[in-house]
Amino acid sequence: MPYKEKEPEKILFSIGEVAKKFKVNTSLIRFWEKEFDILQPKKNKKGNRLFTRQDMDNLHIIYHLVKERGFKLDGAKRKLKQNKDEVVNSVEMVKSLKNIRSFLVEMKESL
């Protein structure tokens, strides 16, 4: 098998890519950008938003609070201000549990 160089991880994401990843409309991403000061996408000369890895992590936190845990926007903002570390830990735990679940489902299907 020939040596295949690993592709570098993507650094910037378009709003379309972000919306697709979170399965939401681009308008919701723009709305969250206005509502949450932790989102600070860069803009190119055309004005297109470019989201960094940090923005993606912050979007994941916002998505977790609003979509998965059912927080209203004010509640999500308050939770982030009170204890962002706790929220980050919660998001990481959910990610880990989802990974374990998908692994177990794959194992079950292969039996």
PDB file of N, CA and C in Angstrom:
ATOM      1  N   MET A   1       0.852  -1.180   0.000  1.00  0.00           N
ATOM      2  CA  MET A   1       0.000   0.000   0.000  1.00  0.00           C
ATOM      3  C   MET A   1       0.892   1.236   0.000  1.00  0.00           C
ATOM      4  N   PRO A   2       0.677   2.159  -0.948  1.00  0.00           N
ATOM      5  CA  PRO A   2       1.537   3.349  -1.020  1.00  0.00           C
ATOM      6  C   PRO A   2       1.306   4.269   0.172  1.00  0.00           C
ATOM      7  N   TYR A   3       2.360   4.979   0.494  1.00  0.00           N
ATOM      8  CA  TYR A   3       2.293   5.946   1.594  1.00  0.00           C
ATOM      9  C   TYR A   3       1.359   7.077   1.219  1.00  0.00           C
ATOM     10  N   LYS A   4       0.424   7.364   2.082  1.00  0.00           N
ATOM     11  CA  LYS A   4      -0.517   8.455   1.815  1.00  0.00           C
ATOM     12  C   LYS A   4      -0.352   9.500   2.914  1.00  0.00           C
ATOM     13  N   GLU A   5      -0.007  10.684   2.487  1.00  0.00           N
ATOM     14  CA  GLU A   5       0.189  11.771   3.450  1.00  0.00           C
ATOM     15  C   GLU A   5      -1.162  12.185   4.022  1.00  0.00           C
ATOM     16  N   LYS A   6      -1.181  12.423   5.322  1.00  0.00           N
ATOM     17  CA  LYS A   6      -2.404  12.848   5.986  1.00  0.00           C
ATOM     18  C   LYS A   6      -2.782  14.246   5.530  1.00  0.00           C
ATOM     19  N   GLU A   7      -4.073  14.427   5.226  1.00  0.00           N
ATOM     20  CA  GLU A   7      -4.530  15.756   4.834  1.00  0.00           C
ATOM     21  C   GLU A   7      -4.539  16.661   6.056  1.00  0.00           C
ATOM     22  N   PRO A   8      -4.129  17.912   5.897  1.00  0.00           N
ATOM     23  CA  PRO A   8      -4.155  18.826   7.035  1.00  0.00           C
ATOM     24  C   PRO A   8      -5.598  19.122   7.438  1.00  0.00           C
ATOM     25  N   GLU A   9      -5.803  19.296   8.736  1.00  0.00           N
ATOM     26  CA  GLU A   9      -7.138  19.617   9.219  1.00  0.00           C
ATOM     27  C   GLU A   9      -7.531  21.002   8.755  1.00  0.00           C
ATOM     28  N   LYS A  10      -8.785  21.144   8.479  1.00  0.00           N
ATOM     29  CA  LYS A  10      -9.305  22.410   8.003  1.00  0.00           C
ATOM     30  C   LYS A  10      -9.228  23.451   9.112  1.00  0.00           C
ATOM     31  N   ILE A  11      -8.870  24.683   8.751  1.00  0.00           N
ATOM     32  CA  ILE A  11      -8.705  25.753   9.732  1.00  0.00           C
ATOM     33  C   ILE A  11      -9.917  26.668   9.756  1.00  0.00           C
ATOM     34  N   LEU A  12     -10.451  26.989   8.580  1.00  0.00           N
ATOM     35  CA  LEU A  12     -11.592  27.896   8.480  1.00  0.00           C
ATOM     36  C   LEU A  12     -12.767  27.211   7.791  1.00  0.00           C
ATOM     37  N   PHE A  13     -13.961  27.522   8.254  1.00  0.00           N
ATOM     38  CA  PHE A  13     -15.174  26.915   7.735  1.00  0.00           C
ATOM     39  C   PHE A  13     -16.131  28.003   7.281  1.00  0.00           C
ATOM     40  N   SER A  14     -16.786  27.784   6.146  1.00  0.00           N
ATOM     41  CA  SER A  14     -17.803  28.724   5.674  1.00  0.00           C
ATOM     42  C   SER A  14     -19.069  28.544   6.506  1.00  0.00           C
ATOM     43  N   ILE A  15     -19.952  29.530   6.460  1.00  0.00           N
ATOM     44  CA  ILE A  15     -21.187  29.438   7.224  1.00  0.00           C
ATOM     45  C   ILE A  15     -22.039  28.262   6.732  1.00  0.00           C
ATOM     46  N   GLY A  16     -21.962  27.959   5.442  1.00  0.00           N
ATOM     47  CA  GLY A  16     -22.686  26.815   4.896  1.00  0.00           C
ATOM     48  C   GLY A  16     -22.192  25.500   5.474  1.00  0.00           C
ATOM     49  N   GLU A  17     -20.875  25.364   5.590  1.00  0.00           N
ATOM     50  CA  GLU A  17     -20.297  24.150   6.175  1.00  0.00           C
ATOM     51  C   GLU A  17     -20.689  24.017   7.643  1.00  0.00           C
ATOM     52  N   VAL A  18     -20.675  25.143   8.350  1.00  0.00           N
ATOM     53  CA  VAL A  18     -21.037  25.142   9.766  1.00  0.00           C
ATOM     54  C   VAL A  18     -22.493  24.732   9.929  1.00  0.00           C
ATOM     55  N   ALA A  19     -23.376  25.341   9.137  1.00  0.00           N
ATOM     56  CA  ALA A  19     -24.805  25.031   9.222  1.00  0.00           C
ATOM     57  C   ALA A  19     -25.061  23.559   8.910  1.00  0.00           C
ATOM     58  N   LYS A  20     -24.357  23.037   7.923  1.00  0.00           N
ATOM     59  CA  LYS A  20     -24.524  21.623   7.552  1.00  0.00           C
ATOM     60  C   LYS A  20     -24.070  20.707   8.683  1.00  0.00           C
ATOM     61  N   LYS A  21     -22.957  21.051   9.312  1.00  0.00           N
ATOM     62  CA  LYS A  21     -22.434  20.224  10.405  1.00  0.00           C
ATOM     63  C   LYS A  21     -23.420  20.156  11.574  1.00  0.00           C
ATOM     64  N   PHE A  22     -24.047  21.284  11.893  1.00  0.00           N
ATOM     65  CA  PHE A  22     -24.974  21.328  13.019  1.00  0.00           C
ATOM     66  C   PHE A  22     -26.426  21.057  12.604  1.00  0.00           C
ATOM     67  N   LYS A  23     -26.641  20.851  11.299  1.00  0.00           N
ATOM     68  CA  LYS A  23     -27.978  20.577  10.761  1.00  0.00           C
ATOM     69  C   LYS A  23     -28.970  21.675  11.138  1.00  0.00           C
ATOM     70  N   VAL A  24     -28.547  22.922  10.904  1.00  0.00           N
ATOM     71  CA  VAL A  24     -29.400  24.094  11.146  1.00  0.00           C
ATOM     72  C   VAL A  24     -29.275  25.023   9.938  1.00  0.00           C
ATOM     73  N   ASN A  25     -30.132  26.030   9.879  1.00  0.00           N
ATOM     74  CA  ASN A  25     -30.071  27.016   8.798  1.00  0.00           C
ATOM     75  C   ASN A  25     -28.931  28.005   9.048  1.00  0.00           C
ATOM     76  N   THR A  26     -28.424  28.569   7.960  1.00  0.00           N
ATOM     77  CA  THR A  26     -27.372  29.576   8.092  1.00  0.00           C
ATOM     78  C   THR A  26     -27.893  30.805   8.845  1.00  0.00           C
ATOM     79  N   SER A  27     -29.189  31.076   8.708  1.00  0.00           N
ATOM     80  CA  SER A  27     -29.762  32.232   9.411  1.00  0.00           C
ATOM     81  C   SER A  27     -29.669  32.056  10.925  1.00  0.00           C
ATOM     82  N   LEU A  28     -29.791  30.813  11.409  1.00  0.00           N
ATOM     83  CA  LEU A  28     -29.660  30.565  12.840  1.00  0.00           C
ATOM     84  C   LEU A  28     -28.222  30.814  13.298  1.00  0.00           C
ATOM     85  N   ILE A  29     -27.255  30.434  12.489  1.00  0.00           N
ATOM     86  CA  ILE A  29     -25.846  30.678  12.823  1.00  0.00           C
ATOM     87  C   ILE A  29     -25.599  32.185  12.903  1.00  0.00           C
ATOM     88  N   ARG A  30     -26.111  32.940  11.932  1.00  0.00           N
ATOM     89  CA  ARG A  30     -25.947  34.400  11.959  1.00  0.00           C
ATOM     90  C   ARG A  30     -26.634  35.002  13.184  1.00  0.00           C
ATOM     91  N   PHE A  31     -27.806  34.488  13.533  1.00  0.00           N
ATOM     92  CA  PHE A  31     -28.535  34.968  14.704  1.00  0.00           C
ATOM     93  C   PHE A  31     -27.726  34.709  15.971  1.00  0.00           C
ATOM     94  N   TRP A  32     -27.210  33.489  16.112  1.00  0.00           N
ATOM     95  CA  TRP A  32     -26.402  33.166  17.300  1.00  0.00           C
ATOM     96  C   TRP A  32     -25.154  34.046  17.358  1.00  0.00           C
ATOM     97  N   GLU A  33     -24.587  34.363  16.201  1.00  0.00           N
ATOM     98  CA  GLU A  33     -23.411  35.235  16.165  1.00  0.00           C
ATOM     99  C   GLU A  33     -23.730  36.592  16.793  1.00  0.00           C
ATOM    100  N   LYS A  34     -24.921  37.114  16.507  1.00  0.00           N
ATOM    101  CA  LYS A  34     -25.325  38.400  17.080  1.00  0.00           C
ATOM    102  C   LYS A  34     -25.636  38.289  18.563  1.00  0.00           C
ATOM    103  N   GLU A  35     -26.184  37.164  18.983  1.00  0.00           N
ATOM    104  CA  GLU A  35     -26.634  36.981  20.362  1.00  0.00           C
ATOM    105  C   GLU A  35     -25.513  36.601  21.334  1.00  0.00           C
ATOM    106  N   PHE A  36     -24.532  35.851  20.870  1.00  0.00           N
ATOM    107  CA  PHE A  36     -23.475  35.330  21.746  1.00  0.00           C
ATOM    108  C   PHE A  36     -22.144  35.966  21.385  1.00  0.00           C
ATOM    109  N   ASP A  37     -21.576  36.711  22.329  1.00  0.00           N
ATOM    110  CA  ASP A  37     -20.312  37.404  22.054  1.00  0.00           C
ATOM    111  C   ASP A  37     -19.110  36.466  21.975  1.00  0.00           C
ATOM    112  N   ILE A  38     -19.285  35.179  22.332  1.00  0.00           N
ATOM    113  CA  ILE A  38     -18.159  34.239  22.205  1.00  0.00           C
ATOM    114  C   ILE A  38     -17.955  33.811  20.753  1.00  0.00           C
ATOM    115  N   LEU A  39     -18.918  34.104  19.873  1.00  0.00           N
ATOM    116  CA  LEU A  39     -18.763  33.811  18.451  1.00  0.00           C
ATOM    117  C   LEU A  39     -18.193  35.031  17.753  1.00  0.00           C
ATOM    118  N   GLN A  40     -17.040  34.883  17.158  1.00  0.00           N
ATOM    119  CA  GLN A  40     -16.372  35.991  16.485  1.00  0.00           C
ATOM    120  C   GLN A  40     -15.782  35.513  15.156  1.00  0.00           C
ATOM    121  N   PRO A  41     -16.641  35.118  14.188  1.00  0.00           N
ATOM    122  CA  PRO A  41     -16.072  34.663  12.914  1.00  0.00           C
ATOM    123  C   PRO A  41     -15.359  35.797  12.189  1.00  0.00           C
ATOM    124  N   LYS A  42     -14.334  35.413  11.458  1.00  0.00           N
ATOM    125  CA  LYS A  42     -13.626  36.385  10.620  1.00  0.00           C
ATOM    126  C   LYS A  42     -14.479  36.625   9.384  1.00  0.00           C
ATOM    127  N   LYS A  43     -14.255  37.735   8.715  1.00  0.00           N
ATOM    128  CA  LYS A  43     -14.950  38.006   7.451  1.00  0.00           C
ATOM    129  C   LYS A  43     -13.903  38.308   6.393  1.00  0.00           C
ATOM    130  N   ASN A  44     -14.095  37.734   5.204  1.00  0.00           N
ATOM    131  CA  ASN A  44     -13.168  38.014   4.118  1.00  0.00           C
ATOM    132  C   ASN A  44     -13.568  39.319   3.433  1.00  0.00           C
ATOM    133  N   LYS A  45     -12.860  39.646   2.354  1.00  0.00           N
ATOM    134  CA  LYS A  45     -13.118  40.931   1.667  1.00  0.00           C
ATOM    135  C   LYS A  45     -14.546  41.031   1.138  1.00  0.00           C
ATOM    136  N   LYS A  46     -15.134  39.896   0.787  1.00  0.00           N
ATOM    137  CA  LYS A  46     -16.513  39.885   0.294  1.00  0.00           C
ATOM    138  C   LYS A  46     -17.533  39.974   1.432  1.00  0.00           C
ATOM    139  N   GLY A  47     -17.067  39.814   2.656  1.00  0.00           N
ATOM    140  CA  GLY A  47     -17.971  39.845   3.804  1.00  0.00           C
ATOM    141  C   GLY A  47     -18.477  38.475   4.218  1.00  0.00           C
ATOM    142  N   ASN A  48     -17.943  37.418   3.585  1.00  0.00           N
ATOM    143  CA  ASN A  48     -18.341  36.063   3.957  1.00  0.00           C
ATOM    144  C   ASN A  48     -17.724  35.684   5.304  1.00  0.00           C
ATOM    145  N   ARG A  49     -18.519  35.050   6.143  1.00  0.00           N
ATOM    146  CA  ARG A  49     -18.039  34.629   7.455  1.00  0.00           C
ATOM    147  C   ARG A  49     -17.159  33.396   7.320  1.00  0.00           C
ATOM    148  N   LEU A  50     -16.057  33.388   8.062  1.00  0.00           N
ATOM    149  CA  LEU A  50     -15.154  32.246   8.129  1.00  0.00           C
ATOM    150  C   LEU A  50     -14.969  31.887   9.604  1.00  0.00           C
ATOM    151  N   PHE A  51     -15.415  30.700   9.965  1.00  0.00           N
ATOM    152  CA  PHE A  51     -15.395  30.264  11.349  1.00  0.00           C
ATOM    153  C   PHE A  51     -14.139  29.454  11.637  1.00  0.00           C
ATOM    154  N   THR A  52     -13.494  29.758  12.759  1.00  0.00           N
ATOM    155  CA  THR A  52     -12.294  29.044  13.190  1.00  0.00           C
ATOM    156  C   THR A  52     -12.693  27.815  14.003  1.00  0.00           C
ATOM    157  N   ARG A  53     -11.713  26.999  14.345  1.00  0.00           N
ATOM    158  CA  ARG A  53     -11.956  25.838  15.223  1.00  0.00           C
ATOM    159  C   ARG A  53     -12.549  26.301  16.553  1.00  0.00           C
ATOM    160  N   GLN A  54     -12.038  27.415  17.086  1.00  0.00           N
ATOM    161  CA  GLN A  54     -12.554  27.946  18.348  1.00  0.00           C
ATOM    162  C   GLN A  54     -14.028  28.335  18.208  1.00  0.00           C
ATOM    163  N   ASP A  55     -14.368  28.961  17.084  1.00  0.00           N
ATOM    164  CA  ASP A  55     -15.770  29.287  16.822  1.00  0.00           C
ATOM    165  C   ASP A  55     -16.614  28.016  16.762  1.00  0.00           C
ATOM    166  N   MET A  56     -16.086  26.978  16.135  1.00  0.00           N
ATOM    167  CA  MET A  56     -16.816  25.706  16.034  1.00  0.00           C
ATOM    168  C   MET A  56     -17.045  25.115  17.422  1.00  0.00           C
ATOM    169  N   ASP A  57     -16.025  25.173  18.275  1.00  0.00           N
ATOM    170  CA  ASP A  57     -16.179  24.676  19.650  1.00  0.00           C
ATOM    171  C   ASP A  57     -17.241  25.485  20.392  1.00  0.00           C
ATOM    172  N   ASN A  58     -17.200  26.805  20.228  1.00  0.00           N
ATOM    173  CA  ASN A  58     -18.191  27.661  20.884  1.00  0.00           C
ATOM    174  C   ASN A  58     -19.594  27.405  20.341  1.00  0.00           C
ATOM    175  N   LEU A  59     -19.717  27.179  19.039  1.00  0.00           N
ATOM    176  CA  LEU A  59     -21.008  26.848  18.454  1.00  0.00           C
ATOM    177  C   LEU A  59     -21.535  25.532  18.996  1.00  0.00           C
ATOM    178  N   HIS A  60     -20.627  24.592  19.197  1.00  0.00           N
ATOM    179  CA  HIS A  60     -21.032  23.304  19.760  1.00  0.00           C
ATOM    180  C   HIS A  60     -21.606  23.498  21.166  1.00  0.00           C
ATOM    181  N   ILE A  61     -20.986  24.368  21.933  1.00  0.00           N
ATOM    182  CA  ILE A  61     -21.469  24.660  23.291  1.00  0.00           C
ATOM    183  C   ILE A  61     -22.855  25.308  23.220  1.00  0.00           C
ATOM    184  N   ILE A  62     -23.008  26.292  22.348  1.00  0.00           N
ATOM    185  CA  ILE A  62     -24.295  26.976  22.202  1.00  0.00           C
ATOM    186  C   ILE A  62     -25.357  25.985  21.730  1.00  0.00           C
ATOM    187  N   TYR A  63     -25.014  25.165  20.752  1.00  0.00           N
ATOM    188  CA  TYR A  63     -25.949  24.166  20.232  1.00  0.00           C
ATOM    189  C   TYR A  63     -26.385  23.222  21.349  1.00  0.00           C
ATOM    190  N   HIS A  64     -25.422  22.786  22.142  1.00  0.00           N
ATOM    191  CA  HIS A  64     -25.714  21.872  23.249  1.00  0.00           C
ATOM    192  C   HIS A  64     -26.709  22.499  24.224  1.00  0.00           C
ATOM    193  N   LEU A  65     -26.452  23.740  24.602  1.00  0.00           N
ATOM    194  CA  LEU A  65     -27.329  24.403  25.570  1.00  0.00           C
ATOM    195  C   LEU A  65     -28.722  24.654  25.001  1.00  0.00           C
ATOM    196  N   VAL A  66     -28.783  25.187  23.784  1.00  0.00           N
ATOM    197  CA  VAL A  66     -30.064  25.624  23.218  1.00  0.00           C
ATOM    198  C   VAL A  66     -30.854  24.457  22.622  1.00  0.00           C
ATOM    199  N   LYS A  67     -30.215  23.651  21.817  1.00  0.00           N
ATOM    200  CA  LYS A  67     -30.931  22.598  21.089  1.00  0.00           C
ATOM    201  C   LYS A  67     -31.044  21.294  21.869  1.00  0.00           C
ATOM    202  N   GLU A  68     -29.983  20.906  22.563  1.00  0.00           N
ATOM    203  CA  GLU A  68     -30.008  19.614  23.258  1.00  0.00           C
ATOM    204  C   GLU A  68     -30.559  19.720  24.679  1.00  0.00           C
ATOM    205  N   ARG A  69     -30.257  20.800  25.372  1.00  0.00           N
ATOM    206  CA  ARG A  69     -30.723  20.926  26.755  1.00  0.00           C
ATOM    207  C   ARG A  69     -31.938  21.828  26.892  1.00  0.00           C
ATOM    208  N   GLY A  70     -32.326  22.512  25.814  1.00  0.00           N
ATOM    209  CA  GLY A  70     -33.557  23.283  25.813  1.00  0.00           C
ATOM    210  C   GLY A  70     -33.516  24.631  26.507  1.00  0.00           C
ATOM    211  N   PHE A  71     -32.324  25.200  26.662  1.00  0.00           N
ATOM    212  CA  PHE A  71     -32.206  26.520  27.281  1.00  0.00           C
ATOM    213  C   PHE A  71     -32.781  27.587  26.362  1.00  0.00           C
ATOM    214  N   LYS A  72     -33.406  28.598  26.921  1.00  0.00           N
ATOM    215  CA  LYS A  72     -33.753  29.808  26.181  1.00  0.00           C
ATOM    216  C   LYS A  72     -32.449  30.583  25.995  1.00  0.00           C
ATOM    217  N   LEU A  73     -32.431  31.550  25.076  1.00  0.00           N
ATOM    218  CA  LEU A  73     -31.187  32.283  24.803  1.00  0.00           C
ATOM    219  C   LEU A  73     -30.648  32.985  26.043  1.00  0.00           C
ATOM    220  N   ASP A  74     -31.527  33.648  26.791  1.00  0.00           N
ATOM    221  CA  ASP A  74     -31.058  34.334  28.006  1.00  0.00           C
ATOM    222  C   ASP A  74     -30.474  33.352  29.002  1.00  0.00           C
ATOM    223  N   GLY A  75     -31.105  32.204  29.147  1.00  0.00           N
ATOM    224  CA  GLY A  75     -30.601  31.179  30.065  1.00  0.00           C
ATOM    225  C   GLY A  75     -29.259  30.640  29.617  1.00  0.00           C
ATOM    226  N   ALA A  76     -29.102  30.433  28.318  1.00  0.00           N
ATOM    227  CA  ALA A  76     -27.830  29.934  27.788  1.00  0.00           C
ATOM    228  C   ALA A  76     -26.722  30.955  28.007  1.00  0.00           C
ATOM    229  N   LYS A  77     -27.029  32.236  27.763  1.00  0.00           N
ATOM    230  CA  LYS A  77     -26.032  33.295  27.988  1.00  0.00           C
ATOM    231  C   LYS A  77     -25.630  33.347  29.454  1.00  0.00           C
ATOM    232  N   ARG A  78     -26.623  33.260  30.327  1.00  0.00           N
ATOM    233  CA  ARG A  78     -26.359  33.305  31.768  1.00  0.00           C
ATOM    234  C   ARG A  78     -25.490  32.121  32.196  1.00  0.00           C
ATOM    235  N   LYS A  79     -25.821  30.936  31.685  1.00  0.00           N
ATOM    236  CA  LYS A  79     -25.063  29.721  32.019  1.00  0.00           C
ATOM    237  C   LYS A  79     -23.610  29.857  31.566  1.00  0.00           C
ATOM    238  N   LEU A  80     -23.398  30.408  30.374  1.00  0.00           N
ATOM    239  CA  LEU A  80     -22.035  30.591  29.877  1.00  0.00           C
ATOM    240  C   LEU A  80     -21.260  31.587  30.726  1.00  0.00           C
ATOM    241  N   LYS A  81     -21.921  32.651  31.180  1.00  0.00           N
ATOM    242  CA  LYS A  81     -21.243  33.651  32.014  1.00  0.00           C
ATOM    243  C   LYS A  81     -20.941  33.108  33.400  1.00  0.00           C
ATOM    244  N   GLN A  82     -21.874  32.319  33.955  1.00  0.00           N
ATOM    245  CA  GLN A  82     -21.696  31.794  35.308  1.00  0.00           C
ATOM    246  C   GLN A  82     -20.555  30.788  35.371  1.00  0.00           C
ATOM    247  N   ASN A  83     -20.591  29.797  34.455  1.00  0.00           N
ATOM    248  CA  ASN A  83     -19.592  28.743  34.550  1.00  0.00           C
ATOM    249  C   ASN A  83     -19.394  28.060  33.197  1.00  0.00           C
ATOM    250  N   LYS A  84     -18.614  28.690  32.363  1.00  0.00           N
ATOM    251  CA  LYS A  84     -18.366  28.142  31.029  1.00  0.00           C
ATOM    252  C   LYS A  84     -17.647  26.797  31.113  1.00  0.00           C
ATOM    253  N   ASP A  85     -16.732  26.655  32.083  1.00  0.00           N
ATOM    254  CA  ASP A  85     -15.984  25.397  32.208  1.00  0.00           C
ATOM    255  C   ASP A  85     -16.910  24.217  32.458  1.00  0.00           C
ATOM    256  N   GLU A  86     -17.916  24.423  33.283  1.00  0.00           N
ATOM    257  CA  GLU A  86     -18.879  23.354  33.572  1.00  0.00           C
ATOM    258  C   GLU A  86     -19.625  22.953  32.305  1.00  0.00           C
ATOM    259  N   VAL A  87     -20.007  23.930  31.518  1.00  0.00           N
ATOM    260  CA  VAL A  87     -20.715  23.664  30.265  1.00  0.00           C
ATOM    261  C   VAL A  87     -19.803  22.914  29.303  1.00  0.00           C
ATOM    262  N   VAL A  88     -18.560  23.349  29.195  1.00  0.00           N
ATOM    263  CA  VAL A  88     -17.593  22.688  28.308  1.00  0.00           C
ATOM    264  C   VAL A  88     -17.421  21.231  28.722  1.00  0.00           C
ATOM    265  N   ASN A  89     -17.284  20.984  30.020  1.00  0.00           N
ATOM    266  CA  ASN A  89     -17.140  19.611  30.517  1.00  0.00           C
ATOM    267  C   ASN A  89     -18.370  18.777  30.178  1.00  0.00           C
ATOM    268  N   SER A  90     -19.535  19.365  30.308  1.00  0.00           N
ATOM    269  CA  SER A  90     -20.784  18.675  29.988  1.00  0.00           C
ATOM    270  C   SER A  90     -20.837  18.324  28.508  1.00  0.00           C
ATOM    271  N   VAL A  91     -20.452  19.254  27.662  1.00  0.00           N
ATOM    272  CA  VAL A  91     -20.440  19.018  26.211  1.00  0.00           C
ATOM    273  C   VAL A  91     -19.467  17.897  25.879  1.00  0.00           C
ATOM    274  N   GLU A  92     -18.284  17.924  26.482  1.00  0.00           N
ATOM    275  CA  GLU A  92     -17.284  16.885  26.228  1.00  0.00           C
ATOM    276  C   GLU A  92     -17.790  15.519  26.679  1.00  0.00           C
ATOM    277  N   MET A  93     -18.482  15.473  27.796  1.00  0.00           N
ATOM    278  CA  MET A  93     -19.021  14.212  28.293  1.00  0.00           C
ATOM    279  C   MET A  93     -20.077  13.673  27.323  1.00  0.00           C
ATOM    280  N   VAL A  94     -20.944  14.535  26.835  1.00  0.00           N
ATOM    281  CA  VAL A  94     -21.965  14.113  25.878  1.00  0.00           C
ATOM    282  C   VAL A  94     -21.310  13.594  24.601  1.00  0.00           C
ATOM    283  N   LYS A  95     -20.270  14.288  24.126  1.00  0.00           N
ATOM    284  CA  LYS A  95     -19.543  13.835  22.931  1.00  0.00           C
ATOM    285  C   LYS A  95     -18.974  12.437  23.148  1.00  0.00           C
ATOM    286  N   SER A  96     -18.336  12.234  24.304  1.00  0.00           N
ATOM    287  CA  SER A  96     -17.742  10.934  24.613  1.00  0.00           C
ATOM    288  C   SER A  96     -18.803   9.846  24.667  1.00  0.00           C
ATOM    289  N   LEU A  97     -19.921  10.140  25.305  1.00  0.00           N
ATOM    290  CA  LEU A  97     -20.995   9.147  25.401  1.00  0.00           C
ATOM    291  C   LEU A  97     -21.571   8.809  24.023  1.00  0.00           C
ATOM    292  N   LYS A  98     -21.696   9.810  23.161  1.00  0.00           N
ATOM    293  CA  LYS A  98     -22.193   9.558  21.804  1.00  0.00           C
ATOM    294  C   LYS A  98     -21.210   8.683  21.026  1.00  0.00           C
ATOM    295  N   ASN A  99     -19.909   8.943  21.205  1.00  0.00           N
ATOM    296  CA  ASN A  99     -18.898   8.124  20.538  1.00  0.00           C
ATOM    297  C   ASN A  99     -18.949   6.680  21.025  1.00  0.00           C
ATOM    298  N   ILE A 100     -19.097   6.502  22.330  1.00  0.00           N
ATOM    299  CA  ILE A 100     -19.189   5.152  22.907  1.00  0.00           C
ATOM    300  C   ILE A 100     -20.424   4.450  22.370  1.00  0.00           C
ATOM    301  N   ARG A 101     -21.539   5.176  22.333  1.00  0.00           N
ATOM    302  CA  ARG A 101     -22.781   4.586  21.841  1.00  0.00           C
ATOM    303  C   ARG A 101     -22.635   4.144  20.388  1.00  0.00           C
ATOM    304  N   SER A 102     -22.070   4.990  19.545  1.00  0.00           N
ATOM    305  CA  SER A 102     -21.932   4.618  18.135  1.00  0.00           C
ATOM    306  C   SER A 102     -20.983   3.428  17.976  1.00  0.00           C
ATOM    307  N   PHE A 103     -19.947   3.374  18.803  1.00  0.00           N
ATOM    308  CA  PHE A 103     -19.035   2.229  18.788  1.00  0.00           C
ATOM    309  C   PHE A 103     -19.779   0.953  19.159  1.00  0.00           C
ATOM    310  N   LEU A 104     -20.593   1.025  20.208  1.00  0.00           N
ATOM    311  CA  LEU A 104     -21.349  -0.152  20.663  1.00  0.00           C
ATOM    312  C   LEU A 104     -22.384  -0.592  19.615  1.00  0.00           C
ATOM    313  N   VAL A 105     -23.008   0.378  18.963  1.00  0.00           N
ATOM    314  CA  VAL A 105     -23.985   0.047  17.907  1.00  0.00           C
ATOM    315  C   VAL A 105     -23.268  -0.660  16.749  1.00  0.00           C
ATOM    316  N   GLU A 106     -22.095  -0.171  16.386  1.00  0.00           N
ATOM    317  CA  GLU A 106     -21.312  -0.809  15.319  1.00  0.00           C
ATOM    318  C   GLU A 106     -20.944  -2.247  15.712  1.00  0.00           C
ATOM    319  N   MET A 107     -20.542  -2.403  16.955  1.00  0.00           N
ATOM    320  CA  MET A 107     -20.177  -3.750  17.452  1.00  0.00           C
ATOM    321  C   MET A 107     -21.382  -4.672  17.365  1.00  0.00           C
ATOM    322  N   LYS A 108     -22.537  -4.192  17.802  1.00  0.00           N
ATOM    323  CA  LYS A 108     -23.755  -4.985  17.795  1.00  0.00           C
ATOM    324  C   LYS A 108     -24.117  -5.400  16.373  1.00  0.00           C
ATOM    325  N   GLU A 109     -24.006  -4.464  15.438  1.00  0.00           N
ATOM    326  CA  GLU A 109     -24.360  -4.747  14.050  1.00  0.00           C
ATOM    327  C   GLU A 109     -23.389  -5.727  13.391  1.00  0.00           C
ATOM    328  N   SER A 110     -22.153  -5.755  13.862  1.00  0.00           N
ATOM    329  CA  SER A 110     -21.175  -6.649  13.266  1.00  0.00           C
ATOM    330  C   SER A 110     -21.271  -8.080  13.812  1.00  0.00           C
ATOM    331  N   LEU A 111     -22.048  -8.252  14.876  1.00  0.00           N
ATOM    332  CA  LEU A 111     -22.198  -9.605  15.455  1.00  0.00           C
ATOM    333  C   LEU A 111     -23.188 -10.447  14.693  1.00  0.00           C
TER     334      LEU A 111
END
